[in-house]
């Protein structure tokens, strides 16, 4: 994914990111998504998708609730 858009030499924004699961999983995602990574120099922003899913996911995942909870906030 990254290499496909990096060739345009423009800032890269992740338009929707969400994570849901057990607290240790969510905490790891929350921590890692705030870091800068040398291998993604053009990545400038990430927009968090802070809403409950309205369409069921395939594979029995149901309706993930992406909303930020208190334990995710710094």
Protein backbone atom coordinates (compact mmCIF):
# COMPACT_ATOMS: atom_id res chain seq x y z
CA UNK A 1 0.00 0.00 0.00
CA UNK A 2 2.49 2.67 1.08
CA UNK A 3 4.79 2.25 -1.94
CA UNK A 4 1.85 2.62 -4.34
CA UNK A 5 1.12 6.17 -3.15
CA UNK A 6 4.60 7.29 -2.07
CA UNK A 7 5.64 7.56 -5.74
CA UNK A 8 3.47 10.70 -6.04
CA UNK A 9 5.75 12.59 -3.60
CA UNK A 10 2.81 14.02 -1.65
CA UNK A 11 1.96 13.82 2.05
CA UNK A 12 0.13 10.59 2.89
CA UNK A 13 -2.89 10.50 5.19
CA UNK A 14 -4.56 7.36 6.50
CA UNK A 15 -8.19 8.40 6.09
CA UNK A 16 -9.76 5.86 8.47
CA UNK A 17 -8.14 3.86 11.24
CA UNK A 18 -9.93 2.00 13.98
CA UNK A 19 -9.12 -0.72 16.47
CA UNK A 20 -11.26 -2.74 18.80
CA UNK A 21 -10.56 -5.72 21.05
CA UNK A 22 -9.14 -6.57 24.43
CA UNK A 23 -7.52 -3.72 26.33
CA UNK A 24 -3.93 -4.89 25.78
CA UNK A 25 -4.54 -5.15 22.01
CA UNK A 26 -6.18 -1.70 21.83
CA UNK A 27 -3.47 -0.15 24.01
CA UNK A 28 -0.74 -1.52 21.71
CA UNK A 29 -2.49 -0.15 18.61
CA UNK A 30 -3.06 3.19 20.31
CA UNK A 31 0.60 3.42 21.26
CA UNK A 32 1.97 2.28 17.90
CA UNK A 33 -0.32 4.48 15.81
CA UNK A 34 1.07 7.63 17.47
CA UNK A 35 4.69 6.85 16.61
CA UNK A 36 6.68 8.06 13.63
CA UNK A 37 8.28 5.36 11.51
CA UNK A 38 11.37 5.98 9.36
CA UNK A 39 10.08 3.56 6.72
CA UNK A 40 7.00 5.80 6.17
CA UNK A 41 8.49 9.30 5.83
CA UNK A 42 5.60 10.71 3.79
CA UNK A 43 2.95 9.59 6.31
CA UNK A 44 1.83 12.80 7.97
CA UNK A 45 -1.59 12.09 9.51
CA UNK A 46 -3.97 9.41 10.66
CA UNK A 47 -7.70 10.02 11.09
CA UNK A 48 -9.36 7.79 13.68
CA UNK A 49 -12.78 6.33 12.79
CA UNK A 50 -14.67 7.04 16.01
CA UNK A 51 -18.04 5.44 15.36
CA UNK A 52 -19.84 2.13 15.71
CA UNK A 53 -19.89 0.17 12.45
CA UNK A 54 -23.31 0.22 10.76
CA UNK A 55 -22.76 -2.63 8.29
CA UNK A 56 -22.00 -6.16 9.57
CA UNK A 57 -18.53 -7.46 8.77
CA UNK A 58 -18.12 -10.84 7.11
CA UNK A 59 -16.62 -13.77 8.95
CA UNK A 60 -18.69 -13.35 12.10
CA UNK A 61 -17.12 -10.06 13.16
CA UNK A 62 -20.52 -8.41 13.54
CA UNK A 63 -20.64 -4.66 14.14
CA UNK A 64 -17.30 -3.48 15.57
CA UNK A 65 -17.53 -0.51 17.90
CA UNK A 66 -14.59 1.72 16.92
CA UNK A 67 -15.50 4.50 19.37
CA UNK A 68 -12.70 5.70 21.61
CA UNK A 69 -13.11 4.67 25.21
CA UNK A 70 -11.56 6.34 28.22
CA UNK A 71 -8.70 3.80 28.46
CA UNK A 72 -7.49 4.75 24.95
CA UNK A 73 -7.07 8.45 25.68
CA UNK A 74 -3.62 9.56 26.84
